[in-house]
Structure formats: C-alpha cells, structure tokens
Amino acid sequence: MTRQVNAANTYEDTRMPVQAKLAAAWTSLMFLVIYLDYFHLYQPGEIDSIRGGVIFEFAISGTLMSIFFVIIAIPALMIMLSVTLPAHVNRATNLVVASLYIPVMVFNAAGASWDYALYYALTIGVEVLILAFILRSAWTWPRTASASIPEPATPHRPQIQMER
C-alpha cells in the first residue's frame, strides 16, 4: 500500500546557516544560565549567605565578581561572534569555547546537597547537551570547494559538424 503525500501538508525544510544555529544555541545557554542563577536564590539560606558576603564558600569581592562577569560574558559574546566571525575562525572559536565551558557548567554542582541532585542533574545535563550541540555543529561545519583547486577537466569530445 502506497501513501500519497498531500503537497498542502508538507513543510519546506530550509537549511539553517551554521552561524544562526550556533547563535541560537549560545542564546539558549545564556537564558538557562541566567534563570538557573536566579532559581538558585530560592534555595533555603542562599540569600542570607549572599547578605553575609559569601557565594559558594567564596567571599564576595571585586575579584570574585569580575570572575563571574567573565564566566557570563564569554558565552554572551559567543552569540555575536557566532554570526560575525569568518567561518574558519568561527568554527575554531566555537569548538574551543564550548569545550572549555563543559567543565564550567559541571562545576555548578560543586558543594550541592543531595536534596538538589535531581535539579543539578537536569540543569547541568541540558547545559551540556546544548554545548554538545554547539560542538557538533561547529565540528560538522559544511565545507565548500576551494577556489584554488581547478575543476576536473572534461574529456575531449570531437565536435561533429553537420553538412549543410
């Protein structure tokens, strides 16, 4: 039994540029990071700890806040860089930064209690999946034929002339 496809029910599957995929993935990661940091404040005692001048066992200081800024600024900048850098540099930058950010995301579970194990497994899991998507997209970036490589020669075919 064959099934006919109704043209009115089919969707156009346009090819999304790699740069747009990467920018969307970095944007998704940034939304998660921001919201997860916000949700972290709902854990009992966190706001009191911050008011007491401590975050994750670290004393709140200009240096710590600068480190936090850099940790957040890099993926935020990757949104812009993913759509503006030339392909070769873009690919390499995404591969390096995404690789470095996997341990950064996993570090978020440091010091977490077992009461929040599921929460951290889910949140870090999704962040790592997004980073894996970025790595895969950058790694499999489509290549174009090099302009310096000449086209293959076509075999010589004698031209047949028609008599008039």
N, C-alpha and C. Protein backbone atom coordinates (compact mmCIF):
# COMPACT_ATOMS: atom_id res chain seq x y z
N MET A 1 0.84 -1.17 0.00
CA MET A 1 0.00 0.00 0.00
C MET A 1 0.89 1.24 0.00
N THR A 2 0.71 2.09 -0.95
CA THR A 2 1.50 3.31 -1.02
C THR A 2 0.69 4.46 -0.45
N ARG A 3 1.39 5.37 0.10
CA ARG A 3 0.75 6.52 0.73
C ARG A 3 1.08 7.76 -0.09
N GLN A 4 0.08 8.51 -0.43
CA GLN A 4 0.31 9.73 -1.18
C GLN A 4 0.53 10.88 -0.20
N VAL A 5 1.46 11.72 -0.57
CA VAL A 5 1.74 12.89 0.26
C VAL A 5 1.01 14.07 -0.33
N ASN A 6 0.22 14.69 0.49
CA ASN A 6 -0.52 15.86 0.06
C ASN A 6 0.41 17.07 0.12
N ALA A 7 0.58 17.75 -0.99
CA ALA A 7 1.50 18.89 -1.05
C ALA A 7 1.11 19.99 -0.07
N ALA A 8 -0.16 20.09 0.25
CA ALA A 8 -0.62 21.13 1.19
C ALA A 8 -0.19 20.83 2.61
N ASN A 9 0.16 19.58 2.91
CA ASN A 9 0.55 19.18 4.26
C ASN A 9 2.05 19.03 4.44
N THR A 10 2.82 19.39 3.45
CA THR A 10 4.27 19.29 3.58
C THR A 10 4.84 20.67 3.91
N TYR A 11 5.92 20.66 4.61
CA TYR A 11 6.56 21.90 5.02
C TYR A 11 7.90 22.03 4.35
N GLU A 12 8.25 23.25 4.06
CA GLU A 12 9.55 23.49 3.46
C GLU A 12 10.62 23.34 4.53
N ASP A 13 11.62 22.55 4.25
CA ASP A 13 12.70 22.33 5.19
C ASP A 13 13.91 23.11 4.70
N THR A 14 13.98 24.38 5.09
CA THR A 14 15.08 25.22 4.65
C THR A 14 16.33 24.93 5.46
N ARG A 15 17.45 25.11 4.83
CA ARG A 15 18.72 24.87 5.50
C ARG A 15 19.10 26.11 6.31
N MET A 16 19.27 25.91 7.60
CA MET A 16 19.63 26.99 8.51
C MET A 16 21.15 27.16 8.48
N PRO A 17 21.64 28.39 8.32
CA PRO A 17 23.10 28.60 8.34
C PRO A 17 23.68 28.17 9.69
N VAL A 18 24.88 27.63 9.65
CA VAL A 18 25.54 27.17 10.87
C VAL A 18 25.67 28.32 11.87
N GLN A 19 25.97 29.51 11.37
CA GLN A 19 26.13 30.66 12.26
C GLN A 19 24.85 30.91 13.06
N ALA A 20 23.70 30.80 12.42
CA ALA A 20 22.42 31.02 13.10
C ALA A 20 22.16 29.93 14.14
N LYS A 21 22.50 28.68 13.81
CA LYS A 21 22.34 27.58 14.77
C LYS A 21 23.20 27.82 16.00
N LEU A 22 24.43 28.23 15.78
CA LEU A 22 25.35 28.48 16.89
C LEU A 22 24.86 29.63 17.75
N ALA A 23 24.45 30.72 17.13
CA ALA A 23 23.96 31.88 17.88
C ALA A 23 22.72 31.50 18.69
N ALA A 24 21.82 30.71 18.11
CA ALA A 24 20.62 30.27 18.82
C ALA A 24 20.99 29.38 20.01
N ALA A 25 21.96 28.50 19.82
CA ALA A 25 22.37 27.61 20.91
C ALA A 25 23.02 28.40 22.05
N TRP A 26 23.90 29.35 21.72
CA TRP A 26 24.52 30.17 22.76
C TRP A 26 23.46 31.02 23.47
N THR A 27 22.46 31.50 22.74
CA THR A 27 21.37 32.27 23.35
C THR A 27 20.59 31.40 24.32
N SER A 28 20.27 30.19 23.91
CA SER A 28 19.56 29.25 24.80
C SER A 28 20.37 28.98 26.05
N LEU A 29 21.68 28.77 25.88
CA LEU A 29 22.54 28.52 27.03
C LEU A 29 22.53 29.71 27.97
N MET A 30 22.59 30.93 27.41
CA MET A 30 22.59 32.13 28.26
C MET A 30 21.29 32.27 29.04
N PHE A 31 20.15 31.98 28.39
CA PHE A 31 18.88 32.04 29.11
C PHE A 31 18.89 31.05 30.28
N LEU A 32 19.37 29.85 30.02
CA LEU A 32 19.43 28.85 31.10
C LEU A 32 20.34 29.31 32.23
N VAL A 33 21.52 29.79 31.90
CA VAL A 33 22.46 30.22 32.93
C VAL A 33 21.85 31.32 33.79
N ILE A 34 21.22 32.30 33.14
CA ILE A 34 20.64 33.42 33.88
C ILE A 34 19.50 32.92 34.78
N TYR A 35 18.59 32.13 34.23
CA TYR A 35 17.47 31.66 35.03
C TYR A 35 17.91 30.70 36.13
N LEU A 36 18.88 29.86 35.85
CA LEU A 36 19.34 28.92 36.87
C LEU A 36 20.03 29.65 38.01
N ASP A 37 20.76 30.71 37.70
CA ASP A 37 21.35 31.53 38.76
C ASP A 37 20.24 32.18 39.59
N TYR A 38 19.20 32.63 38.93
CA TYR A 38 18.06 33.23 39.63
C TYR A 38 17.36 32.18 40.51
N PHE A 39 17.09 31.01 39.94
CA PHE A 39 16.42 29.94 40.72
C PHE A 39 17.27 29.49 41.90
N HIS A 40 18.58 29.61 41.76
CA HIS A 40 19.48 29.22 42.85
C HIS A 40 19.17 30.03 44.12
N LEU A 41 18.71 31.26 43.92
CA LEU A 41 18.39 32.12 45.07
C LEU A 41 17.21 31.59 45.88
N TYR A 42 16.40 30.71 45.29
CA TYR A 42 15.25 30.13 46.00
C TYR A 42 15.65 29.05 46.99
N GLN A 43 16.87 28.57 46.91
CA GLN A 43 17.30 27.53 47.84
C GLN A 43 17.44 28.14 49.23
N PRO A 44 16.96 27.43 50.23
CA PRO A 44 17.00 27.97 51.60
C PRO A 44 18.41 28.40 52.01
N GLY A 45 18.50 29.60 52.56
CA GLY A 45 19.75 30.11 53.09
C GLY A 45 20.63 30.83 52.10
N GLU A 46 20.33 30.76 50.80
CA GLU A 46 21.21 31.37 49.79
C GLU A 46 21.24 32.89 49.90
N ILE A 47 20.08 33.51 50.03
CA ILE A 47 20.06 34.97 50.13
C ILE A 47 20.75 35.43 51.41
N ASP A 48 20.53 34.70 52.51
CA ASP A 48 21.21 35.04 53.76
C ASP A 48 22.73 34.91 53.60
N SER A 49 23.17 33.89 52.88
CA SER A 49 24.59 33.70 52.64
C SER A 49 25.17 34.87 51.83
N ILE A 50 24.42 35.29 50.81
CA ILE A 50 24.87 36.43 49.99
C ILE A 50 24.91 37.70 50.83
N ARG A 51 23.89 37.90 51.65
CA ARG A 51 23.89 39.07 52.54
C ARG A 51 25.05 39.03 53.52
N GLY A 52 25.47 37.81 53.86
CA GLY A 52 26.61 37.64 54.75
C GLY A 52 27.94 37.78 54.03
N GLY A 53 27.90 38.01 52.71
CA GLY A 53 29.13 38.26 51.96
C GLY A 53 29.80 37.03 51.41
N VAL A 54 29.04 35.92 51.25
CA VAL A 54 29.64 34.68 50.77
C VAL A 54 28.78 34.09 49.64
N ILE A 55 29.48 33.63 48.58
CA ILE A 55 28.84 32.88 47.49
C ILE A 55 29.67 31.63 47.27
N PHE A 56 29.05 30.47 47.36
CA PHE A 56 29.76 29.20 47.14
C PHE A 56 31.03 29.09 47.98
N GLU A 57 30.99 29.47 49.18
CA GLU A 57 32.15 29.41 50.08
C GLU A 57 33.22 30.46 49.76
N PHE A 58 32.96 31.33 48.77
CA PHE A 58 33.92 32.36 48.41
C PHE A 58 33.43 33.70 48.95
N ALA A 59 34.36 34.48 49.52
CA ALA A 59 34.00 35.82 49.98
C ALA A 59 33.70 36.70 48.78
N ILE A 60 32.59 37.43 48.85
CA ILE A 60 32.22 38.32 47.75
C ILE A 60 33.22 39.47 47.72
N SER A 61 33.83 39.65 46.56
CA SER A 61 34.83 40.70 46.38
C SER A 61 34.79 41.17 44.94
N GLY A 62 35.50 42.22 44.67
CA GLY A 62 35.60 42.70 43.29
C GLY A 62 36.20 41.66 42.37
N THR A 63 37.17 40.93 42.87
CA THR A 63 37.81 39.87 42.08
C THR A 63 36.81 38.77 41.74
N LEU A 64 36.04 38.32 42.74
CA LEU A 64 35.06 37.26 42.51
C LEU A 64 34.00 37.73 41.52
N MET A 65 33.52 38.96 41.69
CA MET A 65 32.50 39.47 40.77
C MET A 65 33.07 39.62 39.36
N SER A 66 34.34 39.97 39.23
CA SER A 66 34.98 40.05 37.92
C SER A 66 35.07 38.68 37.27
N ILE A 67 35.40 37.66 38.07
CA ILE A 67 35.45 36.29 37.56
C ILE A 67 34.06 35.86 37.07
N PHE A 68 33.04 36.14 37.87
CA PHE A 68 31.66 35.81 37.46
C PHE A 68 31.29 36.53 36.17
N PHE A 69 31.70 37.80 36.05
CA PHE A 69 31.41 38.56 34.84
C PHE A 69 32.05 37.88 33.62
N VAL A 70 33.30 37.49 33.72
CA VAL A 70 33.99 36.87 32.59
C VAL A 70 33.32 35.54 32.23
N ILE A 71 32.94 34.77 33.25
CA ILE A 71 32.28 33.48 33.00
C ILE A 71 30.97 33.67 32.23
N ILE A 72 30.26 34.75 32.50
CA ILE A 72 29.00 35.02 31.82
C ILE A 72 29.22 35.77 30.51
N ALA A 73 30.20 36.66 30.46
CA ALA A 73 30.42 37.49 29.27
C ALA A 73 30.86 36.65 28.07
N ILE A 74 31.65 35.62 28.29
CA ILE A 74 32.17 34.84 27.16
C ILE A 74 31.04 34.19 26.37
N PRO A 75 30.13 33.41 26.99
CA PRO A 75 29.04 32.85 26.17
C PRO A 75 28.12 33.93 25.61
N ALA A 76 27.94 35.05 26.33
CA ALA A 76 27.13 36.14 25.79
C ALA A 76 27.77 36.70 24.53
N LEU A 77 29.08 36.87 24.54
CA LEU A 77 29.79 37.35 23.35
C LEU A 77 29.78 36.32 22.22
N MET A 78 29.70 35.04 22.58
CA MET A 78 29.67 34.00 21.56
C MET A 78 28.43 34.10 20.68
N ILE A 79 27.36 34.68 21.21
CA ILE A 79 26.16 34.89 20.39
C ILE A 79 26.52 35.79 19.22
N MET A 80 27.15 36.92 19.53
CA MET A 80 27.54 37.87 18.49
C MET A 80 28.66 37.30 17.61
N LEU A 81 29.66 36.70 18.23
CA LEU A 81 30.79 36.18 17.46
C LEU A 81 30.36 35.08 16.49
N SER A 82 29.36 34.31 16.87
CA SER A 82 28.90 33.21 16.01
C SER A 82 28.28 33.70 14.71
N VAL A 83 27.82 34.93 14.68
CA VAL A 83 27.24 35.46 13.44
C VAL A 83 28.15 36.45 12.73
N THR A 84 29.28 36.81 13.35
CA THR A 84 30.15 37.82 12.73
C THR A 84 31.52 37.32 12.32
N LEU A 85 32.04 36.31 12.99
CA LEU A 85 33.39 35.83 12.65
C LEU A 85 33.40 35.10 11.32
N PRO A 86 34.52 35.14 10.60
CA PRO A 86 34.65 34.32 9.39
C PRO A 86 34.57 32.83 9.76
N ALA A 87 34.09 32.03 8.83
CA ALA A 87 33.78 30.62 9.10
C ALA A 87 34.93 29.86 9.77
N HIS A 88 36.14 29.99 9.26
CA HIS A 88 37.27 29.22 9.80
C HIS A 88 37.53 29.59 11.27
N VAL A 89 37.56 30.87 11.57
CA VAL A 89 37.80 31.35 12.93
C VAL A 89 36.59 31.03 13.81
N ASN A 90 35.41 31.17 13.25
CA ASN A 90 34.17 30.91 13.96
C ASN A 90 34.12 29.45 14.43
N ARG A 91 34.43 28.55 13.51
CA ARG A 91 34.42 27.12 13.84
C ARG A 91 35.39 26.82 14.98
N ALA A 92 36.61 27.29 14.85
CA ALA A 92 37.63 27.03 15.87
C ALA A 92 37.24 27.65 17.21
N THR A 93 36.73 28.87 17.19
CA THR A 93 36.34 29.56 18.43
C THR A 93 35.22 28.81 19.13
N ASN A 94 34.22 28.37 18.39
CA ASN A 94 33.12 27.62 18.99
C ASN A 94 33.58 26.28 19.55
N LEU A 95 34.48 25.61 18.86
CA LEU A 95 34.99 24.33 19.36
C LEU A 95 35.76 24.53 20.67
N VAL A 96 36.60 25.55 20.73
CA VAL A 96 37.41 25.79 21.93
C VAL A 96 36.54 26.24 23.10
N VAL A 97 35.70 27.24 22.87
CA VAL A 97 34.91 27.80 23.98
C VAL A 97 33.89 26.78 24.50
N ALA A 98 33.20 26.09 23.62
CA ALA A 98 32.24 25.08 24.08
C ALA A 98 32.94 23.97 24.86
N SER A 99 34.11 23.56 24.42
CA SER A 99 34.87 22.53 25.14
C SER A 99 35.26 22.99 26.54
N LEU A 100 35.67 24.26 26.64
CA LEU A 100 36.07 24.80 27.94
C LEU A 100 34.87 25.01 28.87
N TYR A 101 33.71 25.23 28.31
CA TYR A 101 32.54 25.52 29.15
C TYR A 101 31.85 24.28 29.70
N ILE A 102 32.13 23.11 29.18
CA ILE A 102 31.54 21.90 29.76
C ILE A 102 31.98 21.75 31.22
N PRO A 103 33.29 21.82 31.54
CA PRO A 103 33.66 21.73 32.97
C PRO A 103 33.14 22.91 33.79
N VAL A 104 33.01 24.09 33.19
CA VAL A 104 32.46 25.25 33.92
C VAL A 104 31.03 24.95 34.34
N MET A 105 30.24 24.38 33.45
CA MET A 105 28.85 24.05 33.77
C MET A 105 28.77 22.94 34.83
N VAL A 106 29.63 21.95 34.71
CA VAL A 106 29.63 20.85 35.68
C VAL A 106 30.05 21.36 37.06
N PHE A 107 30.93 22.36 37.11
CA PHE A 107 31.38 22.92 38.39
C PHE A 107 30.22 23.49 39.20
N ASN A 108 29.12 23.85 38.54
CA ASN A 108 27.97 24.39 39.25
C ASN A 108 27.40 23.44 40.29
N ALA A 109 27.69 22.16 40.17
CA ALA A 109 27.20 21.19 41.14
C ALA A 109 28.10 21.10 42.38
N ALA A 110 29.25 21.75 42.34
CA ALA A 110 30.17 21.69 43.48
C ALA A 110 29.49 22.22 44.74
N GLY A 111 29.56 21.45 45.77
CA GLY A 111 29.01 21.86 47.06
C GLY A 111 27.50 21.70 47.17
N ALA A 112 26.86 21.16 46.15
CA ALA A 112 25.41 21.00 46.20
C ALA A 112 25.03 19.85 47.13
N SER A 113 23.90 20.00 47.78
CA SER A 113 23.43 18.93 48.67
C SER A 113 22.69 17.89 47.84
N TRP A 114 22.57 16.69 48.41
CA TRP A 114 21.88 15.61 47.72
C TRP A 114 20.39 15.92 47.54
N ASP A 115 19.86 16.84 48.32
CA ASP A 115 18.46 17.24 48.17
C ASP A 115 18.20 17.86 46.79
N TYR A 116 19.26 18.42 46.20
CA TYR A 116 19.13 19.08 44.91
C TYR A 116 19.82 18.31 43.79
N ALA A 117 20.11 17.04 44.00
CA ALA A 117 20.83 16.24 43.00
C ALA A 117 20.06 16.17 41.68
N LEU A 118 18.76 15.93 41.74
CA LEU A 118 17.96 15.85 40.52
C LEU A 118 17.96 17.19 39.79
N TYR A 119 17.80 18.27 40.54
CA TYR A 119 17.81 19.61 39.95
C TYR A 119 19.12 19.87 39.20
N TYR A 120 20.24 19.59 39.85
CA TYR A 120 21.53 19.83 39.20
C TYR A 120 21.78 18.87 38.05
N ALA A 121 21.33 17.64 38.18
CA ALA A 121 21.49 16.68 37.07
C ALA A 121 20.72 17.15 35.84
N LEU A 122 19.50 17.62 36.06
CA LEU A 122 18.69 18.10 34.94
C LEU A 122 19.27 19.37 34.32
N THR A 123 19.58 20.34 35.16
CA THR A 123 20.04 21.63 34.63
C THR A 123 21.40 21.52 33.96
N ILE A 124 22.32 20.86 34.61
CA ILE A 124 23.66 20.70 34.02
C ILE A 124 23.57 19.81 32.79
N GLY A 125 22.71 18.80 32.85
CA GLY A 125 22.52 17.92 31.70
C GLY A 125 22.07 18.68 30.46
N VAL A 126 21.10 19.58 30.63
CA VAL A 126 20.61 20.36 29.50
C VAL A 126 21.69 21.31 29.00
N GLU A 127 22.41 21.95 29.92
CA GLU A 127 23.50 22.84 29.50
C GLU A 127 24.57 22.09 28.71
N VAL A 128 24.93 20.90 29.17
CA VAL A 128 25.95 20.10 28.48
C VAL A 128 25.42 19.63 27.12
N LEU A 129 24.13 19.31 27.04
CA LEU A 129 23.56 18.93 25.74
C LEU A 129 23.62 20.09 24.74
N ILE A 130 23.35 21.30 25.21
CA ILE A 130 23.46 22.47 24.32
C ILE A 130 24.91 22.65 23.87
N LEU A 131 25.84 22.50 24.80
CA LEU A 131 27.26 22.63 24.44
C LEU A 131 27.68 21.52 23.47
N ALA A 132 27.13 20.31 23.65
CA ALA A 132 27.42 19.22 22.72
C ALA A 132 26.86 19.55 21.33
N PHE A 133 25.68 20.16 21.29
CA PHE A 133 25.11 20.59 20.01
C PHE A 133 26.02 21.62 19.34
N ILE A 134 26.54 22.56 20.13
CA ILE A 134 27.45 23.57 19.59
C ILE A 134 28.71 22.89 19.03
N LEU A 135 29.27 21.96 19.80
CA LEU A 135 30.47 21.23 19.34
C LEU A 135 30.18 20.47 18.05
N ARG A 136 29.05 19.78 18.00
CA ARG A 136 28.70 19.01 16.80
C ARG A 136 28.49 19.93 15.61
N SER A 137 27.77 21.03 15.81
CA SER A 137 27.51 21.96 14.71
C SER A 137 28.80 22.57 14.17
N ALA A 138 29.69 22.95 15.07
CA ALA A 138 30.97 23.53 14.64
C ALA A 138 31.85 22.47 13.98
N TRP A 139 31.87 21.27 14.56
CA TRP A 139 32.73 20.20 14.03
C TRP A 139 32.30 19.79 12.63
N THR A 140 30.99 19.74 12.39
CA THR A 140 30.47 19.28 11.09
C THR A 140 30.16 20.43 10.15
N TRP A 141 30.74 21.59 10.39
CA TRP A 141 30.52 22.77 9.57
C TRP A 141 30.74 22.39 8.10
N PRO A 142 29.77 22.63 7.24
CA PRO A 142 29.94 22.24 5.82
C PRO A 142 31.10 23.00 5.17
N ARG A 143 31.80 22.29 4.34
CA ARG A 143 32.94 22.88 3.63
C ARG A 143 32.53 23.18 2.19
N THR A 144 33.17 24.18 1.63
CA THR A 144 32.96 24.50 0.22
C THR A 144 34.21 24.13 -0.54
N ALA A 145 34.06 23.94 -1.84
CA ALA A 145 35.21 23.60 -2.68
C ALA A 145 36.17 24.78 -2.69
N SER A 146 37.44 24.48 -2.61
CA SER A 146 38.46 25.52 -2.60
C SER A 146 38.57 26.16 -3.98
N ALA A 147 38.68 27.48 -4.00
CA ALA A 147 38.82 28.19 -5.28
C ALA A 147 40.17 27.92 -5.93
N SER A 148 41.15 27.48 -5.16
CA SER A 148 42.49 27.25 -5.71
C SER A 148 42.60 25.89 -6.40
N ILE A 149 41.64 25.03 -6.21
CA ILE A 149 41.67 23.72 -6.85
C ILE A 149 40.90 23.81 -8.16
N PRO A 150 41.56 23.56 -9.27
CA PRO A 150 40.85 23.67 -10.55
C PRO A 150 39.79 22.58 -10.69
N GLU A 151 38.77 22.93 -11.46
CA GLU A 151 37.73 21.94 -11.76
C GLU A 151 38.34 20.81 -12.56
N PRO A 152 37.83 19.59 -12.38
CA PRO A 152 38.37 18.48 -13.17
C PRO A 152 38.12 18.73 -14.67
N ALA A 153 39.11 18.34 -15.46
CA ALA A 153 39.00 18.54 -16.91
C ALA A 153 37.95 17.59 -17.47
N THR A 154 37.20 18.08 -18.43
CA THR A 154 36.24 17.21 -19.09
C THR A 154 36.94 16.53 -20.26
N PRO A 155 36.62 15.31 -20.53
CA PRO A 155 37.29 14.63 -21.64
C PRO A 155 36.97 15.33 -22.97
N HIS A 156 37.97 15.33 -23.82
CA HIS A 156 37.81 15.99 -25.11
C HIS A 156 36.87 15.15 -25.98
N ARG A 157 35.87 15.82 -26.50
CA ARG A 157 34.96 15.14 -27.40
C ARG A 157 35.03 15.84 -28.75
N PRO A 158 35.28 15.11 -29.77
CA PRO A 158 35.33 15.75 -31.08
C PRO A 158 33.95 16.29 -31.44
N GLN A 159 33.96 17.47 -32.00
CA GLN A 159 32.71 18.07 -32.41
C GLN A 159 32.34 17.53 -33.80
N ILE A 160 31.13 17.16 -33.90
CA ILE A 160 30.63 16.66 -35.18
C ILE A 160 29.97 17.83 -35.90
N GLN A 161 30.45 18.05 -37.10
CA GLN A 161 29.85 19.15 -37.88
C GLN A 161 28.86 18.56 -38.84
N MET A 162 27.75 19.20 -38.88
CA MET A 162 26.70 18.77 -39.79
C MET A 162 26.92 19.45 -41.15
N GLU A 163 26.76 18.70 -42.17
CA GLU A 163 26.87 19.26 -43.52
C GLU A 163 25.57 19.95 -43.86
N ARG A 164 25.72 21.08 -44.56
CA ARG A 164 24.54 21.82 -44.94
C ARG A 164 24.19 21.57 -46.35
